[in-house]
Amino acid sequence: MEGVLFAPTPSAEALKAFREKLSPGKVLRLEEASLVLTPELARLFRELLEALLRGEAVRVVPLEAELTTGQAAELLGVSRPYLVRLLEEGKIPHHKVGTHRRVRAKDLLAYLEASRKRGRELLDELLGEAQELGLGY
């Protein structure tokens, strides 16, 4: 998938040391090229390093990227047929390029966030009911 990078993870100590040095105004240098960290870039790099420290896989995908159904399914962690069903039910916006469906990354992420939010709400409801029934939760 374009825009997706996989690389060996450096040691946890190296990641932690680098993360601790990240702050707005600091300068990253690679040979003669340099980049001053804005607050947004510092936060982005910090979040990336924290995910790597937790052992999570990280993908970088532009929000405006148009994904194939296979790529979108992979990002959601579902089968392609299940994703196509979500598209056909109108749960995730998409459009067609010829006969092929395309999904914008930001629409996929919005669906994922809404799905997680709904899951948290359902869990809270279940825990509330369990407490009312005295089930020890």
N, C-alpha and C. Protein backbone atom coordinates (compact mmCIF):
# COMPACT_ATOMS: atom_id res chain seq x y z
N MET A 1 0.86 -1.16 0.00
CA MET A 1 0.00 0.00 0.00
C MET A 1 0.90 1.23 0.00
N GLU A 2 0.63 2.17 -0.87
CA GLU A 2 1.41 3.40 -0.89
C GLU A 2 1.20 4.15 0.41
N GLY A 3 2.25 4.81 0.88
CA GLY A 3 2.13 5.59 2.09
C GLY A 3 2.26 4.77 3.36
N VAL A 4 2.50 3.48 3.21
CA VAL A 4 2.65 2.62 4.38
C VAL A 4 4.09 2.19 4.47
N LEU A 5 4.69 2.44 5.60
CA LEU A 5 6.09 2.10 5.78
C LEU A 5 6.23 1.10 6.92
N PHE A 6 7.02 0.08 6.68
CA PHE A 6 7.32 -0.88 7.73
C PHE A 6 8.83 -0.89 7.90
N ALA A 7 9.29 -0.84 9.11
CA ALA A 7 10.72 -0.86 9.37
C ALA A 7 10.97 -1.58 10.67
N PRO A 8 12.17 -2.14 10.83
CA PRO A 8 12.48 -2.77 12.11
C PRO A 8 12.36 -1.73 13.23
N THR A 9 11.83 -2.14 14.35
CA THR A 9 11.67 -1.22 15.48
C THR A 9 12.99 -1.10 16.23
N PRO A 10 13.44 0.14 16.45
CA PRO A 10 14.66 0.32 17.24
C PRO A 10 14.42 -0.14 18.68
N SER A 11 15.48 -0.17 19.46
CA SER A 11 15.33 -0.60 20.85
C SER A 11 14.42 0.36 21.60
N ALA A 12 13.77 -0.17 22.63
CA ALA A 12 12.87 0.64 23.45
C ALA A 12 13.64 1.80 24.10
N GLU A 13 14.87 1.55 24.49
CA GLU A 13 15.66 2.61 25.12
C GLU A 13 15.91 3.75 24.15
N ALA A 14 16.22 3.42 22.90
CA ALA A 14 16.47 4.46 21.90
C ALA A 14 15.20 5.25 21.62
N LEU A 15 14.06 4.55 21.53
CA LEU A 15 12.78 5.23 21.28
C LEU A 15 12.43 6.17 22.44
N LYS A 16 12.61 5.68 23.67
CA LYS A 16 12.29 6.50 24.84
C LYS A 16 13.19 7.73 24.91
N ALA A 17 14.48 7.54 24.64
CA ALA A 17 15.42 8.65 24.70
C ALA A 17 15.06 9.71 23.65
N PHE A 18 14.73 9.27 22.45
CA PHE A 18 14.35 10.20 21.39
C PHE A 18 13.05 10.92 21.74
N ARG A 19 12.07 10.16 22.24
CA ARG A 19 10.78 10.74 22.61
C ARG A 19 10.94 11.84 23.66
N GLU A 20 11.81 11.60 24.64
CA GLU A 20 12.01 12.57 25.71
C GLU A 20 12.62 13.87 25.20
N LYS A 21 13.35 13.82 24.12
CA LYS A 21 14.00 15.02 23.58
C LYS A 21 13.09 15.81 22.66
N LEU A 22 11.95 15.23 22.25
CA LEU A 22 11.05 15.91 21.32
C LEU A 22 10.30 17.04 22.00
N SER A 23 10.43 18.22 21.45
CA SER A 23 9.62 19.34 21.94
C SER A 23 9.60 20.42 20.87
N PRO A 24 8.55 21.21 20.86
CA PRO A 24 8.45 22.29 19.86
C PRO A 24 9.68 23.19 19.92
N GLY A 25 10.15 23.59 18.75
CA GLY A 25 11.31 24.47 18.66
C GLY A 25 12.61 23.73 18.49
N LYS A 26 12.65 22.44 18.85
CA LYS A 26 13.87 21.66 18.66
C LYS A 26 14.07 21.45 17.16
N VAL A 27 15.31 21.19 16.76
CA VAL A 27 15.64 21.01 15.36
C VAL A 27 16.08 19.57 15.11
N LEU A 28 15.45 18.92 14.14
CA LEU A 28 15.89 17.60 13.71
C LEU A 28 16.82 17.80 12.52
N ARG A 29 17.96 17.11 12.53
CA ARG A 29 18.92 17.25 11.44
C ARG A 29 19.25 15.89 10.85
N LEU A 30 19.25 15.83 9.54
CA LEU A 30 19.73 14.67 8.79
C LEU A 30 20.72 15.21 7.76
N GLU A 31 21.99 15.01 8.06
CA GLU A 31 23.07 15.59 7.25
C GLU A 31 22.86 17.08 7.13
N GLU A 32 22.74 17.63 5.92
CA GLU A 32 22.59 19.09 5.80
C GLU A 32 21.14 19.57 5.87
N ALA A 33 20.18 18.67 5.90
CA ALA A 33 18.77 19.05 5.98
C ALA A 33 18.36 19.17 7.45
N SER A 34 17.53 20.19 7.73
CA SER A 34 17.06 20.36 9.10
C SER A 34 15.59 20.75 9.09
N LEU A 35 14.93 20.46 10.20
CA LEU A 35 13.50 20.73 10.34
C LEU A 35 13.24 21.17 11.77
N VAL A 36 12.64 22.36 11.91
CA VAL A 36 12.26 22.85 13.24
C VAL A 36 10.91 22.25 13.59
N LEU A 37 10.81 21.64 14.76
CA LEU A 37 9.57 20.99 15.18
C LEU A 37 8.53 22.01 15.61
N THR A 38 7.39 21.97 14.95
CA THR A 38 6.24 22.75 15.38
C THR A 38 5.57 21.97 16.51
N PRO A 39 4.66 22.57 17.26
CA PRO A 39 3.96 21.80 18.28
C PRO A 39 3.24 20.58 17.69
N GLU A 40 2.66 20.73 16.51
CA GLU A 40 1.94 19.62 15.88
C GLU A 40 2.88 18.49 15.48
N LEU A 41 4.03 18.84 14.90
CA LEU A 41 4.99 17.80 14.51
C LEU A 41 5.56 17.09 15.73
N ALA A 42 5.87 17.84 16.77
CA ALA A 42 6.40 17.23 18.00
C ALA A 42 5.38 16.25 18.56
N ARG A 43 4.10 16.65 18.60
CA ARG A 43 3.04 15.77 19.11
C ARG A 43 2.90 14.54 18.23
N LEU A 44 2.95 14.71 16.91
CA LEU A 44 2.82 13.59 15.98
C LEU A 44 3.96 12.59 16.17
N PHE A 45 5.19 13.08 16.24
CA PHE A 45 6.33 12.19 16.45
C PHE A 45 6.24 11.49 17.80
N ARG A 46 5.80 12.22 18.84
CA ARG A 46 5.67 11.62 20.17
C ARG A 46 4.64 10.49 20.14
N GLU A 47 3.49 10.73 19.50
CA GLU A 47 2.45 9.70 19.42
C GLU A 47 2.94 8.48 18.63
N LEU A 48 3.69 8.73 17.56
CA LEU A 48 4.24 7.64 16.77
C LEU A 48 5.20 6.79 17.61
N LEU A 49 6.07 7.45 18.34
CA LEU A 49 7.03 6.72 19.17
C LEU A 49 6.34 5.97 20.30
N GLU A 50 5.31 6.57 20.89
CA GLU A 50 4.59 5.90 21.97
C GLU A 50 3.89 4.64 21.46
N ALA A 51 3.33 4.70 20.24
CA ALA A 51 2.70 3.51 19.65
C ALA A 51 3.74 2.43 19.41
N LEU A 52 4.89 2.81 18.91
CA LEU A 52 5.96 1.83 18.68
C LEU A 52 6.42 1.21 20.00
N LEU A 53 6.50 2.02 21.05
CA LEU A 53 6.90 1.50 22.36
C LEU A 53 5.89 0.50 22.91
N ARG A 54 4.62 0.67 22.56
CA ARG A 54 3.59 -0.28 22.98
C ARG A 54 3.57 -1.53 22.09
N GLY A 55 4.43 -1.56 21.09
CA GLY A 55 4.51 -2.71 20.20
C GLY A 55 3.44 -2.71 19.11
N GLU A 56 2.81 -1.57 18.89
CA GLU A 56 1.76 -1.48 17.89
C GLU A 56 2.36 -1.25 16.51
N ALA A 57 1.70 -1.82 15.50
CA ALA A 57 2.08 -1.53 14.12
C ALA A 57 1.61 -0.13 13.79
N VAL A 58 2.38 0.60 13.02
CA VAL A 58 2.06 1.97 12.67
C VAL A 58 2.01 2.11 11.16
N ARG A 59 0.98 2.79 10.69
CA ARG A 59 0.85 3.08 9.26
C ARG A 59 0.64 4.57 9.10
N VAL A 60 1.23 5.10 8.08
CA VAL A 60 1.05 6.51 7.78
C VAL A 60 0.28 6.58 6.46
N VAL A 61 -0.93 7.09 6.53
CA VAL A 61 -1.80 7.18 5.35
C VAL A 61 -2.38 8.59 5.31
N PRO A 62 -2.20 9.30 4.21
CA PRO A 62 -2.82 10.64 4.12
C PRO A 62 -4.33 10.54 4.25
N LEU A 63 -4.95 11.49 4.94
CA LEU A 63 -6.39 11.46 5.15
C LEU A 63 -7.17 11.50 3.84
N GLU A 64 -6.63 12.15 2.83
CA GLU A 64 -7.33 12.25 1.55
C GLU A 64 -7.04 11.08 0.62
N ALA A 65 -6.23 10.11 1.07
CA ALA A 65 -5.90 8.96 0.23
C ALA A 65 -7.16 8.18 -0.12
N GLU A 66 -7.23 7.73 -1.36
CA GLU A 66 -8.33 6.87 -1.78
C GLU A 66 -7.84 5.44 -1.74
N LEU A 67 -8.51 4.63 -0.95
CA LEU A 67 -8.09 3.25 -0.73
C LEU A 67 -8.96 2.28 -1.51
N THR A 68 -8.36 1.19 -1.94
CA THR A 68 -9.15 0.10 -2.53
C THR A 68 -9.90 -0.59 -1.40
N THR A 69 -10.85 -1.42 -1.75
CA THR A 69 -11.58 -2.15 -0.70
C THR A 69 -10.66 -3.09 0.06
N GLY A 70 -9.68 -3.64 -0.61
CA GLY A 70 -8.73 -4.51 0.07
C GLY A 70 -7.89 -3.75 1.08
N GLN A 71 -7.40 -2.57 0.69
CA GLN A 71 -6.62 -1.75 1.61
C GLN A 71 -7.46 -1.28 2.79
N ALA A 72 -8.69 -0.86 2.50
CA ALA A 72 -9.59 -0.39 3.56
C ALA A 72 -9.91 -1.51 4.53
N ALA A 73 -10.18 -2.69 4.02
CA ALA A 73 -10.48 -3.84 4.88
C ALA A 73 -9.28 -4.17 5.76
N GLU A 74 -8.10 -4.10 5.18
CA GLU A 74 -6.88 -4.39 5.95
C GLU A 74 -6.70 -3.38 7.08
N LEU A 75 -6.93 -2.11 6.79
CA LEU A 75 -6.80 -1.08 7.83
C LEU A 75 -7.81 -1.27 8.96
N LEU A 76 -9.02 -1.71 8.62
CA LEU A 76 -10.05 -1.94 9.64
C LEU A 76 -9.85 -3.28 10.36
N GLY A 77 -9.10 -4.17 9.74
CA GLY A 77 -8.90 -5.49 10.34
C GLY A 77 -10.11 -6.39 10.12
N VAL A 78 -10.77 -6.22 8.97
CA VAL A 78 -11.94 -7.05 8.64
C VAL A 78 -11.72 -7.67 7.26
N SER A 79 -12.60 -8.58 6.90
CA SER A 79 -12.50 -9.19 5.57
C SER A 79 -13.00 -8.20 4.52
N ARG A 80 -12.53 -8.38 3.30
CA ARG A 80 -12.98 -7.53 2.21
C ARG A 80 -14.49 -7.65 1.99
N PRO A 81 -15.06 -8.88 1.98
CA PRO A 81 -16.51 -8.98 1.80
C PRO A 81 -17.30 -8.24 2.89
N TYR A 82 -16.82 -8.28 4.13
CA TYR A 82 -17.50 -7.57 5.21
C TYR A 82 -17.44 -6.07 4.96
N LEU A 83 -16.28 -5.57 4.54
CA LEU A 83 -16.16 -4.14 4.25
C LEU A 83 -17.10 -3.74 3.12
N VAL A 84 -17.18 -4.54 2.07
CA VAL A 84 -18.07 -4.24 0.94
C VAL A 84 -19.51 -4.17 1.43
N ARG A 85 -19.88 -5.04 2.35
CA ARG A 85 -21.23 -5.00 2.91
C ARG A 85 -21.47 -3.68 3.66
N LEU A 86 -20.47 -3.22 4.43
CA LEU A 86 -20.59 -1.94 5.12
C LEU A 86 -20.77 -0.79 4.12
N LEU A 87 -20.05 -0.87 3.01
CA LEU A 87 -20.16 0.17 1.98
C LEU A 87 -21.55 0.15 1.35
N GLU A 88 -22.01 -1.05 1.02
CA GLU A 88 -23.32 -1.17 0.37
C GLU A 88 -24.46 -0.76 1.31
N GLU A 89 -24.28 -0.95 2.62
CA GLU A 89 -25.30 -0.54 3.60
C GLU A 89 -25.23 0.96 3.90
N GLY A 90 -24.25 1.65 3.30
CA GLY A 90 -24.12 3.09 3.50
C GLY A 90 -23.48 3.47 4.82
N LYS A 91 -22.84 2.53 5.49
CA LYS A 91 -22.23 2.83 6.79
C LYS A 91 -20.89 3.56 6.63
N ILE A 92 -20.27 3.39 5.48
CA ILE A 92 -19.02 4.09 5.17
C ILE A 92 -19.19 4.70 3.78
N PRO A 93 -18.97 6.02 3.66
CA PRO A 93 -19.08 6.64 2.33
C PRO A 93 -18.02 6.07 1.38
N HIS A 94 -18.38 5.98 0.13
CA HIS A 94 -17.43 5.53 -0.90
C HIS A 94 -17.91 6.06 -2.25
N HIS A 95 -17.08 5.88 -3.25
CA HIS A 95 -17.48 6.21 -4.61
C HIS A 95 -16.86 5.17 -5.53
N LYS A 96 -17.32 5.18 -6.76
CA LYS A 96 -16.81 4.20 -7.72
C LYS A 96 -15.92 4.87 -8.76
N VAL A 97 -14.88 4.17 -9.10
CA VAL A 97 -14.01 4.56 -10.20
C VAL A 97 -14.16 3.42 -11.20
N GLY A 98 -14.98 3.66 -12.22
CA GLY A 98 -15.37 2.57 -13.11
C GLY A 98 -16.25 1.62 -12.33
N THR A 99 -15.83 0.37 -12.21
CA THR A 99 -16.59 -0.61 -11.44
C THR A 99 -15.99 -0.85 -10.05
N HIS A 100 -14.91 -0.14 -9.75
CA HIS A 100 -14.18 -0.36 -8.49
C HIS A 100 -14.57 0.67 -7.43
N ARG A 101 -14.79 0.19 -6.22
CA ARG A 101 -15.11 1.08 -5.10
C ARG A 101 -13.83 1.67 -4.52
N ARG A 102 -13.93 2.93 -4.11
CA ARG A 102 -12.82 3.60 -3.42
C ARG A 102 -13.34 4.25 -2.16
N VAL A 103 -12.53 4.20 -1.12
CA VAL A 103 -12.90 4.74 0.19
C VAL A 103 -11.82 5.74 0.60
N ARG A 104 -12.24 6.92 1.02
CA ARG A 104 -11.25 7.90 1.52
C ARG A 104 -10.83 7.49 2.92
N ALA A 105 -9.55 7.63 3.18
CA ALA A 105 -9.01 7.24 4.49
C ALA A 105 -9.73 7.97 5.62
N LYS A 106 -10.04 9.25 5.43
CA LYS A 106 -10.69 9.98 6.53
C LYS A 106 -12.11 9.46 6.79
N ASP A 107 -12.80 8.97 5.76
CA ASP A 107 -14.13 8.38 5.98
C ASP A 107 -14.01 7.06 6.74
N LEU A 108 -12.96 6.31 6.43
CA LEU A 108 -12.72 5.05 7.11
C LEU A 108 -12.40 5.30 8.59
N LEU A 109 -11.57 6.30 8.85
CA LEU A 109 -11.21 6.62 10.23
C LEU A 109 -12.41 7.16 11.01
N ALA A 110 -13.27 7.93 10.34
CA ALA A 110 -14.48 8.43 11.01
C ALA A 110 -15.39 7.27 11.39
N TYR A 111 -15.53 6.27 10.50
CA TYR A 111 -16.34 5.09 10.81
C TYR A 111 -15.72 4.34 12.00
N LEU A 112 -14.43 4.18 11.97
CA LEU A 112 -13.75 3.44 13.04
C LEU A 112 -13.94 4.14 14.39
N GLU A 113 -13.81 5.45 14.41
CA GLU A 113 -13.99 6.20 15.65
C GLU A 113 -15.43 6.10 16.15
N ALA A 114 -16.39 6.23 15.23
CA ALA A 114 -17.81 6.12 15.62
C ALA A 114 -18.11 4.72 16.15
N SER A 115 -17.52 3.71 15.52
CA SER A 115 -17.73 2.33 15.94
C SER A 115 -17.14 2.10 17.34
N ARG A 116 -15.96 2.64 17.58
CA ARG A 116 -15.34 2.51 18.91
C ARG A 116 -16.17 3.23 19.97
N LYS A 117 -16.66 4.42 19.61
CA LYS A 117 -17.48 5.19 20.55
C LYS A 117 -18.73 4.40 20.91
N ARG A 118 -19.40 3.84 19.91
CA ARG A 118 -20.61 3.05 20.15
C ARG A 118 -20.29 1.83 21.01
N GLY A 119 -19.15 1.19 20.78
CA GLY A 119 -18.74 0.06 21.59
C GLY A 119 -18.55 0.43 23.05
N ARG A 120 -17.91 1.60 23.28
CA ARG A 120 -17.72 2.07 24.66
C ARG A 120 -19.07 2.35 25.33
N GLU A 121 -20.01 2.96 24.56
CA GLU A 121 -21.34 3.25 25.10
C GLU A 121 -22.07 1.96 25.47
N LEU A 122 -21.98 0.94 24.62
CA LEU A 122 -22.63 -0.34 24.91
C LEU A 122 -22.02 -1.00 26.14
N LEU A 123 -20.70 -0.93 26.25
CA LEU A 123 -20.04 -1.51 27.41
C LEU A 123 -20.48 -0.81 28.69
N ASP A 124 -20.56 0.52 28.63
CA ASP A 124 -21.02 1.28 29.80
C ASP A 124 -22.45 0.87 30.18
N GLU A 125 -23.32 0.69 29.19
CA GLU A 125 -24.70 0.26 29.45
C GLU A 125 -24.72 -1.12 30.11
N LEU A 126 -23.93 -2.05 29.56
CA LEU A 126 -23.88 -3.40 30.12
C LEU A 126 -23.36 -3.39 31.56
N LEU A 127 -22.32 -2.61 31.81
CA LEU A 127 -21.78 -2.54 33.16
C LEU A 127 -22.79 -1.93 34.12
N GLY A 128 -23.51 -0.92 33.67
CA GLY A 128 -24.56 -0.31 34.50
C GLY A 128 -25.64 -1.31 34.85
N GLU A 129 -26.07 -2.08 33.85
CA GLU A 129 -27.10 -3.09 34.11
C GLU A 129 -26.58 -4.18 35.04
N ALA A 130 -25.33 -4.58 34.86
CA ALA A 130 -24.74 -5.61 35.73
C ALA A 130 -24.68 -5.12 37.17
N GLN A 131 -24.34 -3.85 37.36
CA GLN A 131 -24.29 -3.30 38.71
C GLN A 131 -25.68 -3.23 39.33
N GLU A 132 -26.67 -2.83 38.51
CA GLU A 132 -28.05 -2.76 39.01
C GLU A 132 -28.54 -4.14 39.43
N LEU A 133 -28.10 -5.17 38.74
CA LEU A 133 -28.52 -6.53 39.04
C LEU A 133 -27.64 -7.18 40.12
N GLY A 134 -26.64 -6.44 40.57
CA GLY A 134 -25.77 -6.97 41.63
C GLY A 134 -24.91 -8.12 41.18
N LEU A 135 -24.43 -8.07 39.95
CA LEU A 135 -23.60 -9.16 39.42
C LEU A 135 -22.13 -9.02 39.77
N GLY A 136 -21.79 -8.01 40.56
CA GLY A 136 -20.41 -7.87 41.02
C GLY A 136 -19.49 -7.17 40.06
N TYR A 137 -19.99 -6.41 39.12
CA TYR A 137 -19.12 -5.69 38.19
C TYR A 137 -19.02 -4.24 38.58
